[in-house]
Amino acid sequence: MLSKIIACMASVAILAVAGCGGKRELAALRTQAEQGKAEAQCRLGLYYFSGKRVVHDESEAAKWFRKAAEQGNSKAQYKLGVCFDVGAGVIEDKIEAVQWYRKAAEQGNREAQFVLGLCYYGGEGVAGDVSEAYKWFLLASISGDKQARTECTAIAVKMTAAQIAEAEARADKWQQEKEQSRPTKE
């Protein structure tokens, strides 16, 4: 079930992003990607994943997502997590998927936060932990994800007051650490 939700979310997100101009723009994008520019690598991965302007090739998509993800691009980390989650261009590996979701979620990627919540709630690729699931749903919700807010409400009825308090404390701690790690403006 989780894999179907993630695949659907990924397809919608990829199709929304993967519009590309002509052959010159694609060639320029490929050049930038080959020069190691993470954003270009991620976009090229999106094109290969969606089959827009290039032949659909999930292995090539995963290759470009990995290059960008290893440079810290949170969108690529999330997309690479999706690839591992559903076996798109790579061998399916739920544990590896969670690792990439976590990297993206830790950077504030709300899609990854939501999916990481699903992983913790369903125990896919990670030990089930309702408090950790609630934390990630709550963080995604704070970032504007309406579906995450719905998930928070749905699982809260299955949690004790202590579990909810623990999850909220974890989310607060995460937000404080994120704020402290931001560079100060002078």
N, C-alpha and C. Protein backbone atom coordinates (compact mmCIF):
# COMPACT_ATOMS: atom_id res chain seq x y z
N MET A 1 0.82 -1.19 0.00
CA MET A 1 0.00 0.00 0.00
C MET A 1 0.87 1.27 0.00
N LEU A 2 1.85 1.31 0.91
CA LEU A 2 2.73 2.47 1.00
C LEU A 2 3.44 2.71 -0.32
N SER A 3 3.91 1.64 -0.96
CA SER A 3 4.62 1.79 -2.22
C SER A 3 3.73 2.38 -3.30
N LYS A 4 2.46 1.98 -3.33
CA LYS A 4 1.53 2.52 -4.32
C LYS A 4 1.29 4.00 -4.09
N ILE A 5 1.16 4.41 -2.82
CA ILE A 5 0.96 5.83 -2.50
C ILE A 5 2.18 6.63 -2.93
N ILE A 6 3.35 6.13 -2.61
CA ILE A 6 4.59 6.84 -2.94
C ILE A 6 4.77 6.94 -4.44
N ALA A 7 4.51 5.84 -5.15
CA ALA A 7 4.66 5.87 -6.60
C ALA A 7 3.71 6.86 -7.23
N CYS A 8 2.49 6.92 -6.74
CA CYS A 8 1.51 7.87 -7.26
C CYS A 8 1.96 9.30 -6.99
N MET A 9 2.39 9.57 -5.75
CA MET A 9 2.86 10.91 -5.39
C MET A 9 4.06 11.30 -6.25
N ALA A 10 4.96 10.37 -6.46
CA ALA A 10 6.16 10.65 -7.23
C ALA A 10 5.82 10.96 -8.68
N SER A 11 4.90 10.19 -9.25
CA SER A 11 4.52 10.42 -10.64
C SER A 11 3.90 11.79 -10.83
N VAL A 12 3.01 12.17 -9.94
CA VAL A 12 2.37 13.48 -10.03
C VAL A 12 3.41 14.59 -9.89
N ALA A 13 4.28 14.47 -8.90
CA ALA A 13 5.30 15.50 -8.67
C ALA A 13 6.27 15.59 -9.84
N ILE A 14 6.65 14.46 -10.39
CA ILE A 14 7.60 14.46 -11.49
C ILE A 14 6.98 15.07 -12.73
N LEU A 15 5.76 14.70 -13.04
CA LEU A 15 5.11 15.25 -14.23
C LEU A 15 4.91 16.75 -14.11
N ALA A 16 4.69 17.24 -12.91
CA ALA A 16 4.50 18.67 -12.71
C ALA A 16 5.80 19.45 -12.94
N VAL A 17 6.94 18.80 -12.69
CA VAL A 17 8.23 19.48 -12.78
C VAL A 17 8.89 19.29 -14.13
N ALA A 18 8.60 18.21 -14.81
CA ALA A 18 9.44 17.76 -15.91
C ALA A 18 9.11 18.38 -17.26
N GLY A 19 8.68 19.60 -17.32
CA GLY A 19 8.52 20.27 -18.61
C GLY A 19 9.87 20.79 -19.06
N CYS A 20 10.18 20.63 -20.32
CA CYS A 20 11.48 21.07 -20.82
C CYS A 20 11.30 21.70 -22.18
N GLY A 21 12.12 22.67 -22.50
CA GLY A 21 12.07 23.33 -23.80
C GLY A 21 12.59 22.43 -24.89
N GLY A 22 13.26 23.00 -25.86
CA GLY A 22 13.74 22.26 -27.02
C GLY A 22 15.00 21.48 -26.77
N LYS A 23 15.55 21.00 -27.90
CA LYS A 23 16.76 20.17 -27.84
C LYS A 23 17.95 20.95 -27.30
N ARG A 24 18.03 22.24 -27.61
CA ARG A 24 19.16 23.05 -27.10
C ARG A 24 19.11 23.14 -25.58
N GLU A 25 17.93 23.38 -25.06
CA GLU A 25 17.81 23.47 -23.59
C GLU A 25 18.17 22.14 -22.94
N LEU A 26 17.73 21.04 -23.54
CA LEU A 26 18.05 19.72 -23.00
C LEU A 26 19.56 19.48 -23.07
N ALA A 27 20.19 19.86 -24.18
CA ALA A 27 21.64 19.69 -24.32
C ALA A 27 22.38 20.53 -23.28
N ALA A 28 21.91 21.75 -23.06
CA ALA A 28 22.54 22.62 -22.04
C ALA A 28 22.37 22.01 -20.65
N LEU A 29 21.20 21.46 -20.38
CA LEU A 29 20.94 20.81 -19.09
C LEU A 29 21.87 19.62 -18.90
N ARG A 30 22.01 18.81 -19.94
CA ARG A 30 22.90 17.64 -19.85
C ARG A 30 24.33 18.08 -19.59
N THR A 31 24.77 19.14 -20.27
CA THR A 31 26.13 19.65 -20.06
C THR A 31 26.33 20.08 -18.61
N GLN A 32 25.36 20.82 -18.09
CA GLN A 32 25.45 21.25 -16.68
C GLN A 32 25.47 20.04 -15.74
N ALA A 33 24.64 19.05 -16.03
CA ALA A 33 24.60 17.84 -15.20
C ALA A 33 25.94 17.12 -15.23
N GLU A 34 26.51 16.99 -16.43
CA GLU A 34 27.80 16.32 -16.57
C GLU A 34 28.93 17.10 -15.90
N GLN A 35 28.73 18.43 -15.75
CA GLN A 35 29.72 19.26 -15.04
C GLN A 35 29.55 19.16 -13.53
N GLY A 36 28.57 18.41 -13.08
CA GLY A 36 28.41 18.17 -11.64
C GLY A 36 27.44 19.10 -10.94
N LYS A 37 26.63 19.84 -11.66
CA LYS A 37 25.68 20.76 -11.03
C LYS A 37 24.46 19.95 -10.57
N ALA A 38 24.27 19.92 -9.24
CA ALA A 38 23.27 19.06 -8.63
C ALA A 38 21.85 19.35 -9.11
N GLU A 39 21.48 20.61 -9.24
CA GLU A 39 20.11 20.93 -9.67
C GLU A 39 19.87 20.41 -11.08
N ALA A 40 20.85 20.55 -11.97
CA ALA A 40 20.73 20.04 -13.33
C ALA A 40 20.66 18.52 -13.33
N GLN A 41 21.44 17.88 -12.48
CA GLN A 41 21.40 16.43 -12.38
C GLN A 41 20.02 15.95 -11.94
N CYS A 42 19.46 16.64 -10.97
CA CYS A 42 18.13 16.28 -10.49
C CYS A 42 17.08 16.46 -11.59
N ARG A 43 17.13 17.59 -12.29
CA ARG A 43 16.17 17.83 -13.38
C ARG A 43 16.31 16.79 -14.48
N LEU A 44 17.55 16.44 -14.83
CA LEU A 44 17.76 15.43 -15.86
C LEU A 44 17.18 14.09 -15.39
N GLY A 45 17.36 13.77 -14.12
CA GLY A 45 16.74 12.57 -13.56
C GLY A 45 15.22 12.60 -13.68
N LEU A 46 14.64 13.78 -13.44
CA LEU A 46 13.19 13.92 -13.58
C LEU A 46 12.74 13.65 -15.02
N TYR A 47 13.50 14.16 -15.97
CA TYR A 47 13.16 13.94 -17.38
C TYR A 47 13.20 12.45 -17.73
N TYR A 48 14.26 11.77 -17.30
CA TYR A 48 14.36 10.34 -17.60
C TYR A 48 13.26 9.56 -16.89
N PHE A 49 12.93 9.95 -15.68
CA PHE A 49 11.89 9.23 -14.93
C PHE A 49 10.53 9.39 -15.59
N SER A 50 10.24 10.58 -16.07
CA SER A 50 8.92 10.86 -16.65
C SER A 50 8.84 10.53 -18.13
N GLY A 51 9.99 10.46 -18.80
CA GLY A 51 9.99 10.24 -20.24
C GLY A 51 9.67 11.49 -21.03
N LYS A 52 9.77 12.65 -20.39
CA LYS A 52 9.54 13.92 -21.09
C LYS A 52 10.82 14.33 -21.81
N ARG A 53 10.72 14.52 -23.11
CA ARG A 53 11.81 15.00 -23.97
C ARG A 53 12.96 14.02 -24.13
N VAL A 54 12.93 12.92 -23.39
CA VAL A 54 13.93 11.86 -23.51
C VAL A 54 13.17 10.53 -23.40
N VAL A 55 13.83 9.46 -23.77
CA VAL A 55 13.23 8.13 -23.62
C VAL A 55 13.14 7.81 -22.13
N HIS A 56 11.99 7.32 -21.70
CA HIS A 56 11.80 6.91 -20.31
C HIS A 56 12.85 5.85 -19.95
N ASP A 57 13.63 6.13 -18.90
CA ASP A 57 14.69 5.22 -18.50
C ASP A 57 14.90 5.38 -17.00
N GLU A 58 14.32 4.48 -16.23
CA GLU A 58 14.38 4.58 -14.77
C GLU A 58 15.80 4.39 -14.24
N SER A 59 16.60 3.56 -14.89
CA SER A 59 17.99 3.37 -14.44
C SER A 59 18.79 4.66 -14.62
N GLU A 60 18.58 5.33 -15.75
CA GLU A 60 19.27 6.59 -16.00
C GLU A 60 18.77 7.66 -15.02
N ALA A 61 17.48 7.64 -14.74
CA ALA A 61 16.91 8.59 -13.77
C ALA A 61 17.56 8.38 -12.40
N ALA A 62 17.61 7.13 -11.96
CA ALA A 62 18.20 6.84 -10.65
C ALA A 62 19.67 7.25 -10.60
N LYS A 63 20.39 7.06 -11.71
CA LYS A 63 21.80 7.46 -11.77
C LYS A 63 21.94 8.96 -11.53
N TRP A 64 21.12 9.77 -12.21
CA TRP A 64 21.22 11.22 -12.06
C TRP A 64 20.71 11.68 -10.71
N PHE A 65 19.66 11.03 -10.20
CA PHE A 65 19.19 11.36 -8.85
C PHE A 65 20.29 11.10 -7.83
N ARG A 66 20.98 9.97 -7.97
CA ARG A 66 22.04 9.64 -7.02
C ARG A 66 23.16 10.68 -7.05
N LYS A 67 23.57 11.09 -8.24
CA LYS A 67 24.64 12.09 -8.35
C LYS A 67 24.25 13.37 -7.62
N ALA A 68 23.01 13.81 -7.82
CA ALA A 68 22.56 15.04 -7.16
C ALA A 68 22.35 14.80 -5.66
N ALA A 69 21.81 13.65 -5.31
CA ALA A 69 21.54 13.33 -3.91
C ALA A 69 22.82 13.29 -3.09
N GLU A 70 23.86 12.73 -3.68
CA GLU A 70 25.15 12.64 -2.97
C GLU A 70 25.76 14.01 -2.74
N GLN A 71 25.30 15.01 -3.49
CA GLN A 71 25.76 16.38 -3.27
C GLN A 71 24.86 17.13 -2.29
N GLY A 72 23.84 16.44 -1.78
CA GLY A 72 22.97 17.05 -0.77
C GLY A 72 21.70 17.68 -1.31
N ASN A 73 21.36 17.45 -2.58
CA ASN A 73 20.13 18.00 -3.15
C ASN A 73 18.95 17.24 -2.56
N SER A 74 18.12 17.92 -1.75
CA SER A 74 17.05 17.23 -1.03
C SER A 74 15.97 16.68 -1.95
N LYS A 75 15.69 17.36 -3.06
CA LYS A 75 14.69 16.85 -4.00
C LYS A 75 15.19 15.54 -4.60
N ALA A 76 16.46 15.49 -4.98
CA ALA A 76 17.03 14.27 -5.55
C ALA A 76 17.10 13.16 -4.51
N GLN A 77 17.40 13.52 -3.27
CA GLN A 77 17.41 12.51 -2.20
C GLN A 77 16.03 11.87 -2.06
N TYR A 78 15.00 12.72 -2.08
CA TYR A 78 13.64 12.20 -1.99
C TYR A 78 13.32 11.30 -3.19
N LYS A 79 13.64 11.77 -4.40
CA LYS A 79 13.33 10.99 -5.61
C LYS A 79 14.12 9.68 -5.63
N LEU A 80 15.37 9.70 -5.17
CA LEU A 80 16.15 8.46 -5.10
C LEU A 80 15.52 7.51 -4.08
N GLY A 81 15.01 8.07 -2.99
CA GLY A 81 14.28 7.25 -2.02
C GLY A 81 13.09 6.57 -2.67
N VAL A 82 12.35 7.31 -3.50
CA VAL A 82 11.22 6.73 -4.21
C VAL A 82 11.70 5.60 -5.12
N CYS A 83 12.80 5.82 -5.83
CA CYS A 83 13.33 4.78 -6.71
C CYS A 83 13.61 3.49 -5.93
N PHE A 84 14.26 3.62 -4.79
CA PHE A 84 14.55 2.43 -3.98
C PHE A 84 13.28 1.84 -3.39
N ASP A 85 12.33 2.67 -3.05
CA ASP A 85 11.09 2.20 -2.44
C ASP A 85 10.29 1.32 -3.38
N VAL A 86 10.25 1.69 -4.65
CA VAL A 86 9.41 0.96 -5.61
C VAL A 86 10.23 0.15 -6.62
N GLY A 87 11.55 0.17 -6.50
CA GLY A 87 12.39 -0.59 -7.42
C GLY A 87 12.42 -0.01 -8.82
N ALA A 88 12.44 1.31 -8.91
CA ALA A 88 12.47 2.00 -10.20
C ALA A 88 13.92 2.32 -10.59
N GLY A 89 14.49 1.52 -11.47
CA GLY A 89 15.85 1.75 -11.94
C GLY A 89 16.93 1.22 -11.02
N VAL A 90 16.52 0.71 -9.89
CA VAL A 90 17.42 0.12 -8.90
C VAL A 90 16.71 -1.09 -8.30
N ILE A 91 17.44 -1.90 -7.59
CA ILE A 91 16.81 -3.03 -6.90
C ILE A 91 16.04 -2.47 -5.70
N GLU A 92 14.78 -2.88 -5.57
CA GLU A 92 13.95 -2.40 -4.47
C GLU A 92 14.64 -2.68 -3.13
N ASP A 93 14.70 -1.65 -2.30
CA ASP A 93 15.35 -1.76 -1.00
C ASP A 93 14.70 -0.74 -0.06
N LYS A 94 13.80 -1.20 0.76
CA LYS A 94 13.04 -0.31 1.64
C LYS A 94 13.95 0.39 2.66
N ILE A 95 14.96 -0.30 3.13
CA ILE A 95 15.87 0.30 4.11
C ILE A 95 16.65 1.45 3.48
N GLU A 96 17.16 1.21 2.27
CA GLU A 96 17.89 2.26 1.54
C GLU A 96 16.95 3.44 1.23
N ALA A 97 15.71 3.12 0.90
CA ALA A 97 14.72 4.17 0.62
C ALA A 97 14.56 5.08 1.84
N VAL A 98 14.42 4.47 3.01
CA VAL A 98 14.25 5.25 4.24
C VAL A 98 15.47 6.13 4.50
N GLN A 99 16.65 5.60 4.22
CA GLN A 99 17.86 6.40 4.45
C GLN A 99 17.84 7.66 3.59
N TRP A 100 17.42 7.55 2.32
CA TRP A 100 17.37 8.72 1.45
C TRP A 100 16.22 9.65 1.84
N TYR A 101 15.07 9.07 2.23
CA TYR A 101 13.97 9.91 2.70
C TYR A 101 14.41 10.72 3.91
N ARG A 102 15.13 10.07 4.82
CA ARG A 102 15.57 10.75 6.04
C ARG A 102 16.51 11.92 5.72
N LYS A 103 17.45 11.70 4.79
CA LYS A 103 18.37 12.77 4.42
C LYS A 103 17.61 13.98 3.88
N ALA A 104 16.62 13.72 3.03
CA ALA A 104 15.82 14.81 2.47
C ALA A 104 14.94 15.45 3.54
N ALA A 105 14.34 14.62 4.39
CA ALA A 105 13.45 15.12 5.45
C ALA A 105 14.22 16.00 6.43
N GLU A 106 15.43 15.58 6.75
CA GLU A 106 16.25 16.36 7.69
C GLU A 106 16.59 17.75 7.14
N GLN A 107 16.54 17.89 5.81
CA GLN A 107 16.78 19.20 5.20
C GLN A 107 15.49 20.01 5.06
N GLY A 108 14.38 19.43 5.51
CA GLY A 108 13.12 20.16 5.47
C GLY A 108 12.26 19.86 4.25
N ASN A 109 12.60 18.85 3.47
CA ASN A 109 11.79 18.47 2.31
C ASN A 109 10.48 17.87 2.81
N ARG A 110 9.38 18.59 2.60
CA ARG A 110 8.12 18.15 3.20
C ARG A 110 7.56 16.88 2.57
N GLU A 111 7.83 16.64 1.29
CA GLU A 111 7.40 15.36 0.69
C GLU A 111 8.10 14.20 1.40
N ALA A 112 9.38 14.35 1.62
CA ALA A 112 10.15 13.30 2.30
C ALA A 112 9.70 13.16 3.75
N GLN A 113 9.39 14.27 4.40
CA GLN A 113 8.90 14.20 5.78
C GLN A 113 7.60 13.40 5.84
N PHE A 114 6.70 13.67 4.89
CA PHE A 114 5.43 12.95 4.86
C PHE A 114 5.66 11.45 4.64
N VAL A 115 6.47 11.11 3.64
CA VAL A 115 6.70 9.71 3.32
C VAL A 115 7.46 9.01 4.44
N LEU A 116 8.37 9.70 5.08
CA LEU A 116 9.07 9.11 6.23
C LEU A 116 8.07 8.82 7.34
N GLY A 117 7.10 9.69 7.52
CA GLY A 117 6.02 9.42 8.47
C GLY A 117 5.27 8.15 8.11
N LEU A 118 4.98 7.98 6.81
CA LEU A 118 4.31 6.76 6.36
C LEU A 118 5.16 5.52 6.65
N CYS A 119 6.46 5.64 6.42
CA CYS A 119 7.36 4.51 6.67
C CYS A 119 7.34 4.12 8.15
N TYR A 120 7.45 5.11 9.03
CA TYR A 120 7.43 4.81 10.46
C TYR A 120 6.07 4.27 10.89
N TYR A 121 5.02 4.79 10.33
CA TYR A 121 3.69 4.34 10.72
C TYR A 121 3.45 2.90 10.26
N GLY A 122 3.88 2.58 9.05
CA GLY A 122 3.67 1.24 8.51
C GLY A 122 4.79 0.26 8.80
N GLY A 123 5.89 0.75 9.36
CA GLY A 123 7.03 -0.12 9.64
C GLY A 123 7.68 -0.65 8.37
N GLU A 124 7.72 0.18 7.33
CA GLU A 124 8.36 -0.23 6.07
C GLU A 124 9.75 0.36 5.96
N GLY A 125 10.75 -0.50 5.98
CA GLY A 125 12.13 -0.06 5.87
C GLY A 125 12.72 0.42 7.19
N VAL A 126 11.89 0.42 8.21
CA VAL A 126 12.28 0.92 9.53
C VAL A 126 11.32 0.30 10.54
N ALA A 127 11.75 0.19 11.78
CA ALA A 127 10.85 -0.34 12.81
C ALA A 127 9.68 0.63 13.00
N GLY A 128 8.49 0.10 13.08
CA GLY A 128 7.32 0.93 13.30
C GLY A 128 7.44 1.74 14.59
N ASP A 129 7.06 3.00 14.53
CA ASP A 129 7.14 3.89 15.69
C ASP A 129 6.11 4.98 15.49
N VAL A 130 4.98 4.86 16.16
CA VAL A 130 3.89 5.80 15.95
C VAL A 130 4.26 7.22 16.36
N SER A 131 5.07 7.38 17.39
CA SER A 131 5.49 8.72 17.81
C SER A 131 6.40 9.37 16.76
N GLU A 132 7.30 8.58 16.20
CA GLU A 132 8.18 9.12 15.16
C GLU A 132 7.38 9.42 13.89
N ALA A 133 6.39 8.59 13.59
CA ALA A 133 5.51 8.85 12.44
C ALA A 133 4.78 10.17 12.65
N TYR A 134 4.23 10.35 13.83
CA TYR A 134 3.49 11.58 14.14
C TYR A 134 4.40 12.79 14.02
N LYS A 135 5.63 12.66 14.52
CA LYS A 135 6.60 13.76 14.44
C LYS A 135 6.79 14.20 12.99
N TRP A 136 7.05 13.23 12.09
CA TRP A 136 7.31 13.58 10.69
C TRP A 136 6.07 14.10 10.00
N PHE A 137 4.91 13.55 10.32
CA PHE A 137 3.66 14.09 9.77
C PHE A 137 3.45 15.52 10.25
N LEU A 138 3.73 15.75 11.53
CA LEU A 138 3.56 17.09 12.10
C LEU A 138 4.50 18.09 11.42
N LEU A 139 5.75 17.71 11.21
CA LEU A 139 6.71 18.61 10.55
C LEU A 139 6.29 18.90 9.11
N ALA A 140 5.82 17.88 8.40
CA ALA A 140 5.34 18.09 7.03
C ALA A 140 4.11 19.00 7.04
N SER A 141 3.27 18.80 8.03
CA SER A 141 2.07 19.63 8.16
C SER A 141 2.43 21.09 8.40
N ILE A 142 3.39 21.32 9.25
CA ILE A 142 3.85 22.68 9.55
C ILE A 142 4.39 23.34 8.28
N SER A 143 4.98 22.52 7.41
CA SER A 143 5.50 23.04 6.14
C SER A 143 4.42 23.22 5.08
N GLY A 144 3.18 22.89 5.43
CA GLY A 144 2.07 23.15 4.53
C GLY A 144 1.45 21.94 3.86
N ASP A 145 1.85 20.75 4.24
CA ASP A 145 1.30 19.55 3.64
C ASP A 145 -0.04 19.20 4.31
N LYS A 146 -1.13 19.37 3.57
CA LYS A 146 -2.47 19.15 4.13
C LYS A 146 -2.73 17.67 4.42
N GLN A 147 -2.21 16.81 3.58
CA GLN A 147 -2.40 15.38 3.79
C GLN A 147 -1.70 14.93 5.07
N ALA A 148 -0.58 15.55 5.39
CA ALA A 148 0.14 15.22 6.62
C ALA A 148 -0.69 15.61 7.83
N ARG A 149 -1.37 16.74 7.76
CA ARG A 149 -2.24 17.17 8.86
C ARG A 149 -3.35 16.13 9.07
N THR A 150 -3.90 15.62 7.98
CA THR A 150 -4.94 14.59 8.06
C THR A 150 -4.39 13.34 8.72
N GLU A 151 -3.16 12.95 8.37
CA GLU A 151 -2.54 11.77 8.97
C GLU A 151 -2.30 11.97 10.47
N CYS A 152 -1.88 13.17 10.85
CA CYS A 152 -1.69 13.47 12.28
C CYS A 152 -2.98 13.24 13.05
N THR A 153 -4.05 13.77 12.51
CA THR A 153 -5.36 13.64 13.16
C THR A 153 -5.78 12.17 13.23
N ALA A 154 -5.55 11.44 12.16
CA ALA A 154 -5.96 10.04 12.09
C ALA A 154 -5.19 9.16 13.08
N ILE A 155 -3.89 9.38 13.20
CA ILE A 155 -3.15 8.50 14.11
C ILE A 155 -3.20 8.99 15.55
N ALA A 156 -3.51 10.24 15.76
CA ALA A 156 -3.59 10.76 17.14
C ALA A 156 -4.64 10.01 17.96
N VAL A 157 -5.71 9.58 17.31
CA VAL A 157 -6.75 8.85 18.04
C VAL A 157 -6.27 7.47 18.49
N LYS A 158 -5.17 6.98 17.91
CA LYS A 158 -4.62 5.68 18.28
C LYS A 158 -3.45 5.81 19.25
N MET A 159 -3.14 7.06 19.64
CA MET A 159 -1.99 7.32 20.50
C MET A 159 -2.44 7.75 21.89
N THR A 160 -1.57 7.52 22.85
CA THR A 160 -1.83 8.03 24.19
C THR A 160 -1.40 9.50 24.24
N ALA A 161 -1.84 10.19 25.25
CA ALA A 161 -1.44 11.59 25.43
C ALA A 161 0.08 11.69 25.58
N ALA A 162 0.68 10.71 26.24
CA ALA A 162 2.13 10.70 26.43
C ALA A 162 2.86 10.53 25.10
N GLN A 163 2.34 9.67 24.23
CA GLN A 163 2.96 9.47 22.92
C GLN A 163 2.87 10.74 22.07
N ILE A 164 1.74 11.40 22.12
CA ILE A 164 1.57 12.65 21.37
C ILE A 164 2.53 13.71 21.90
N ALA A 165 2.61 13.82 23.22
CA ALA A 165 3.52 14.80 23.82
C ALA A 165 4.97 14.51 23.43
N GLU A 166 5.33 13.23 23.43
CA GLU A 166 6.69 12.84 23.04
C GLU A 166 6.95 13.22 21.58
N ALA A 167 6.01 12.94 20.71
CA ALA A 167 6.16 13.25 19.29
C ALA A 167 6.27 14.75 19.07
N GLU A 168 5.45 15.52 19.75
CA GLU A 168 5.51 16.98 19.62
C GLU A 168 6.83 17.52 20.14
N ALA A 169 7.34 16.92 21.24
CA ALA A 169 8.64 17.34 21.78
C ALA A 169 9.76 17.03 20.78
N ARG A 170 9.68 15.87 20.12
CA ARG A 170 10.68 15.52 19.10
C ARG A 170 10.64 16.52 17.95
N ALA A 171 9.43 16.88 17.53
CA ALA A 171 9.28 17.84 16.41
C ALA A 171 9.82 19.21 16.82
N ASP A 172 9.52 19.64 18.05
CA ASP A 172 10.04 20.93 18.54
C ASP A 172 11.56 20.92 18.58
N LYS A 173 12.13 19.83 19.08
CA LYS A 173 13.58 19.72 19.16
C LYS A 173 14.19 19.78 17.76
N TRP A 174 13.58 19.07 16.81
CA TRP A 174 14.08 19.07 15.43
C TRP A 174 14.05 20.48 14.86
N GLN A 175 12.94 21.20 15.09
CA GLN A 175 12.83 22.56 14.58
C GLN A 175 13.87 23.49 15.21
N GLN A 176 14.09 23.35 16.52
CA GLN A 176 15.08 24.18 17.20
C GLN A 176 16.48 23.91 16.66
N GLU A 177 16.80 22.64 16.46
CA GLU A 177 18.12 22.29 15.93
C GLU A 177 18.29 22.83 14.51
N LYS A 178 17.24 22.77 13.73
CA LYS A 178 17.29 23.30 12.35
C LYS A 178 17.49 24.82 12.38
N GLU A 179 16.81 25.49 13.25
CA GLU A 179 16.96 26.96 13.38
C GLU A 179 18.38 27.31 13.81
N GLN A 180 18.92 26.57 14.76
CA GLN A 180 20.27 26.86 15.25
C GLN A 180 21.35 26.59 14.20
N SER A 181 21.06 25.67 13.29
CA SER A 181 22.06 25.34 12.29
C SER A 181 22.04 26.30 11.08
N ARG A 182 21.02 27.12 10.99
CA ARG A 182 20.96 28.11 9.89
C ARG A 182 21.99 29.19 10.12
N PRO A 183 22.64 29.61 9.04
CA PRO A 183 23.61 30.70 9.18
C PRO A 183 22.87 31.99 9.56
N THR A 184 23.48 32.77 10.40
CA THR A 184 22.88 34.04 10.79
C THR A 184 23.17 35.10 9.74
N LYS A 185 22.20 35.98 9.55
CA LYS A 185 22.37 37.08 8.60
C LYS A 185 22.97 38.26 9.33
N GLU A 186 23.95 38.83 8.71
CA GLU A 186 24.59 40.00 9.34
C GLU A 186 24.19 41.26 8.65
